[in-house]
Amino acid sequence: MKAGQVSGQELVQRHDHIGWGLPYIVFLYIWGTQWVLSSCIGFFGQWQDVGLWQQLTTWIACAASLAALAGSFRTGRWQRLADQGGKAALPLLMIVGAVSVLQYVQAVDPFFAPLLRSYVLAVAYALFAMWLGKPLIYMSLWLFLLTTVVAVWYLGFASLLLGGFGGLSMIALAWMIRRWNSKSDDQGGVAK
């Protein structure tokens, strides 16, 4: 077997790892879109107060996430969501909650939150790369380096750049998972 070839069993195992991500695609689209919209709205914050509009995008994303969860209850996919993501859900919710509380009590300055969210997303991509492969390692490194460059040289644009590119990276990840799964379905359950 050549170096670039993969055995049939490894391909089936990869399909299993890709398949587990399918129920989460909708959340990647929802929150990726929220990050992009919030960062675009935040750009106009230099001329007028847009805090209410940014909060509105968050509330809409929360409502859409709850609707997606309710839909998964009705279709019976909730069990699959809970089984596969339950172990990662608590730490993720704790991080989101901690950042939200720190922002609410104004313990962090406005530039810190986008940097922290972007670094957390980069680390999450590195963790997910264990299941989804090298493309996520590349996305993780790219987002980590982008965050570092923005923090050092372009801090004033942190919210716009990191929110926009972070959101687009979530949308790209959802697209990649869907594409990988459709390829594996086309080949009778085996991914390329």
Protein backbone atom coordinates (compact mmCIF):
# COMPACT_ATOMS: atom_id res chain seq x y z
CA MET A 1 0.00 0.00 0.00
CA LYS A 2 1.38 3.43 -0.96
CA ALA A 3 1.92 6.16 1.60
CA GLY A 4 -1.10 8.20 0.47
CA GLN A 5 -3.53 5.28 0.48
CA VAL A 6 -5.78 4.39 3.38
CA SER A 7 -7.20 0.97 4.22
CA GLY A 8 -10.92 0.29 3.94
CA GLN A 9 -11.31 -0.04 7.71
CA GLU A 10 -9.67 3.37 8.28
CA LEU A 11 -12.07 4.91 5.76
CA VAL A 12 -15.08 3.40 7.53
CA GLN A 13 -13.76 4.69 10.88
CA ARG A 14 -13.31 8.16 9.37
CA HIS A 15 -16.91 8.04 8.09
CA ASP A 16 -18.10 7.28 11.60
CA HIS A 17 -16.20 10.29 12.88
CA ILE A 18 -17.58 12.52 10.15
CA GLY A 19 -21.11 11.23 10.62
CA TRP A 20 -21.22 12.16 14.30
CA GLY A 21 -20.85 15.82 13.35
CA LEU A 22 -23.93 15.97 11.13
CA PRO A 23 -26.44 16.92 13.85
CA TYR A 24 -24.28 19.88 14.83
CA ILE A 25 -24.10 21.45 11.38
CA VAL A 26 -27.17 23.57 12.02
CA PHE A 27 -25.57 25.06 15.15
CA LEU A 28 -22.37 25.87 13.26
CA TYR A 29 -24.42 27.71 10.63
CA ILE A 30 -26.49 29.56 13.26
CA TRP A 31 -23.60 30.71 15.42
CA GLY A 32 -21.25 31.31 12.51
CA THR A 33 -23.84 33.62 11.00
CA GLN A 34 -24.36 35.31 14.37
CA TRP A 35 -20.62 35.98 14.72
CA VAL A 36 -20.44 37.46 11.22
CA LEU A 37 -23.54 39.65 11.68
CA SER A 38 -22.48 40.83 15.12
CA SER A 39 -19.02 41.78 13.88
CA CYS A 40 -20.45 43.64 10.87
CA ILE A 41 -22.91 45.49 13.09
CA GLY A 42 -20.09 46.21 15.55
CA PHE A 43 -18.17 47.98 12.79
CA PHE A 44 -20.83 50.70 12.84
CA GLY A 45 -20.35 51.07 16.61
CA GLN A 46 -17.72 53.69 15.97
CA TRP A 47 -20.46 56.06 14.76
CA GLN A 48 -23.46 55.06 16.85
CA ASP A 49 -24.51 52.75 19.68
CA VAL A 50 -25.13 49.28 18.26
CA GLY A 51 -25.04 47.24 21.46
CA LEU A 52 -28.77 46.54 21.27
CA TRP A 53 -28.48 45.28 17.69
CA GLN A 54 -25.59 43.00 18.59
CA GLN A 55 -27.57 41.60 21.52
CA LEU A 56 -30.47 41.05 19.14
CA THR A 57 -28.28 38.83 16.93
CA THR A 58 -27.35 36.80 20.02
CA TRP A 59 -30.98 36.39 21.09
CA ILE A 60 -32.01 35.41 17.56
CA ALA A 61 -29.20 32.83 17.45
CA CYS A 62 -30.27 31.48 20.86
CA ALA A 63 -33.88 31.22 19.67
CA ALA A 64 -32.80 29.49 16.46
CA SER A 65 -30.64 27.08 18.48
CA LEU A 66 -33.57 26.28 20.77
CA ALA A 67 -35.79 25.73 17.73
CA ALA A 68 -33.18 23.37 16.28
CA LEU A 69 -33.02 21.51 19.59
CA ALA A 70 -36.82 21.30 19.73
CA GLY A 71 -36.78 19.92 16.18
CA SER A 72 -34.26 17.30 17.21
CA PHE A 73 -36.57 16.27 20.06
CA ARG A 74 -39.47 15.79 17.62
CA THR A 75 -37.42 13.79 15.12
CA GLY A 76 -35.71 11.67 17.74
CA ARG A 77 -32.25 12.97 16.87
CA TRP A 78 -31.86 14.38 20.38
CA GLN A 79 -30.61 11.06 21.72
CA ARG A 80 -27.87 11.02 19.08
CA LEU A 81 -27.00 14.65 19.85
CA ALA A 82 -26.82 13.96 23.58
CA ASP A 83 -24.84 10.73 23.24
CA GLN A 84 -22.21 12.20 20.96
CA GLY A 85 -21.92 15.74 22.25
CA GLY A 86 -22.93 15.32 25.85
CA LYS A 87 -19.38 14.85 27.06
CA ALA A 88 -18.21 18.05 25.39
CA ALA A 89 -21.32 20.11 26.11
CA LEU A 90 -20.68 20.87 29.78
CA PRO A 91 -17.15 22.28 29.39
CA LEU A 92 -18.26 24.25 26.33
CA LEU A 93 -21.27 25.72 28.14
CA MET A 94 -19.06 26.56 31.12
CA ILE A 95 -16.64 28.48 28.89
CA VAL A 96 -19.47 30.33 27.14
CA GLY A 97 -21.05 31.12 30.52
CA ALA A 98 -17.77 32.33 32.01
CA VAL A 99 -17.05 34.67 29.08
CA SER A 100 -20.65 35.97 29.19
CA VAL A 101 -20.47 36.69 32.93
CA LEU A 102 -17.08 38.40 32.55
CA GLN A 103 -18.53 40.61 29.84
CA TYR A 104 -21.69 41.34 31.83
CA VAL A 105 -19.81 42.46 34.94
CA GLN A 106 -17.42 44.43 32.71
CA ALA A 107 -14.41 42.54 34.04
CA VAL A 108 -12.89 42.48 30.57
CA ASP A 109 -12.27 45.34 28.22
CA PRO A 110 -14.02 45.37 24.83
CA PHE A 111 -10.93 44.05 23.01
CA PHE A 112 -10.42 41.05 25.28
CA ALA A 113 -13.68 39.23 24.53
CA PRO A 114 -13.15 38.85 20.75
CA LEU A 115 -9.59 37.66 21.35
CA LEU A 116 -10.70 35.13 23.95
CA ARG A 117 -13.57 33.81 21.79
CA SER A 118 -11.25 33.46 18.81
CA TYR A 119 -8.55 31.66 20.80
CA VAL A 120 -11.16 29.31 22.32
CA LEU A 121 -12.50 28.55 18.83
CA ALA A 122 -8.98 27.87 17.55
CA VAL A 123 -8.32 25.45 20.42
CA ALA A 124 -11.71 23.77 19.84
CA TYR A 125 -10.78 23.22 16.19
CA ALA A 126 -7.50 21.63 17.29
CA LEU A 127 -9.44 19.29 19.59
CA PHE A 128 -11.99 18.39 16.90
CA ALA A 129 -9.11 17.65 14.52
CA MET A 130 -8.62 14.40 16.44
CA TRP A 131 -11.88 13.21 14.89
CA LEU A 132 -12.12 15.21 11.70
CA GLY A 133 -8.53 15.25 10.48
CA LYS A 134 -5.90 17.63 9.16
CA PRO A 135 -8.15 20.32 7.67
CA LEU A 136 -9.20 21.31 11.18
CA ILE A 137 -5.58 21.46 12.32
CA TYR A 138 -4.96 23.91 9.48
CA MET A 139 -8.05 25.96 10.40
CA SER A 140 -6.97 25.92 14.05
CA LEU A 141 -3.47 27.14 13.28
CA TRP A 142 -4.76 29.77 10.86
CA LEU A 143 -7.27 31.15 13.38
CA PHE A 144 -4.71 31.07 16.21
CA LEU A 145 -2.16 32.96 14.11
CA LEU A 146 -4.79 35.41 12.85
CA THR A 147 -5.86 36.12 16.42
CA THR A 148 -2.27 36.67 17.49
CA VAL A 149 -1.53 39.02 14.58
CA VAL A 150 -4.73 40.99 15.23
CA ALA A 151 -3.94 41.17 18.97
CA VAL A 152 -0.43 42.48 18.38
CA TRP A 153 -0.86 44.81 15.39
CA TYR A 154 -4.56 45.42 14.68
CA LEU A 155 -6.28 45.34 18.08
CA GLY A 156 -8.75 48.03 17.10
CA PHE A 157 -10.15 45.74 14.43
CA ALA A 158 -10.35 42.65 16.70
CA SER A 159 -14.13 42.53 16.91
CA LEU A 160 -14.65 42.97 13.19
CA LEU A 161 -11.88 40.71 11.92
CA LEU A 162 -12.05 37.91 14.46
CA GLY A 163 -15.84 37.84 14.66
CA GLY A 164 -16.11 37.84 10.88
CA PHE A 165 -13.42 35.27 10.17
CA GLY A 166 -14.35 33.15 13.19
CA GLY A 167 -17.97 33.04 12.04
CA LEU A 168 -16.97 32.27 8.47
CA SER A 169 -14.74 29.46 9.74
CA MET A 170 -17.72 27.90 11.57
CA ILE A 171 -19.80 28.11 8.41
CA ALA A 172 -16.90 26.57 6.47
CA LEU A 173 -16.64 23.73 8.99
CA ALA A 174 -20.35 23.00 8.66
CA TRP A 175 -19.97 22.94 4.88
CA MET A 176 -16.94 20.63 5.11
CA ILE A 177 -18.73 18.15 7.41
CA ARG A 178 -21.74 18.10 5.09
CA ARG A 179 -19.53 17.64 2.04
CA TRP A 180 -17.44 14.88 3.63
CA ASN A 181 -20.59 13.05 4.64
CA SER A 182 -22.18 13.39 1.21
CA LYS A 183 -19.01 12.00 -0.37
CA SER A 184 -19.05 9.05 2.00
CA ASP A 185 -22.74 8.41 1.27
CA ASP A 186 -22.03 8.49 -2.47
CA GLN A 187 -19.40 5.81 -2.00
CA GLY A 188 -21.60 3.46 -0.01
CA GLY A 189 -20.62 4.58 3.48
CA VAL A 190 -16.91 5.04 2.89
CA ALA A 191 -15.31 8.50 2.85
CA LYS A 192 -12.38 9.51 0.68
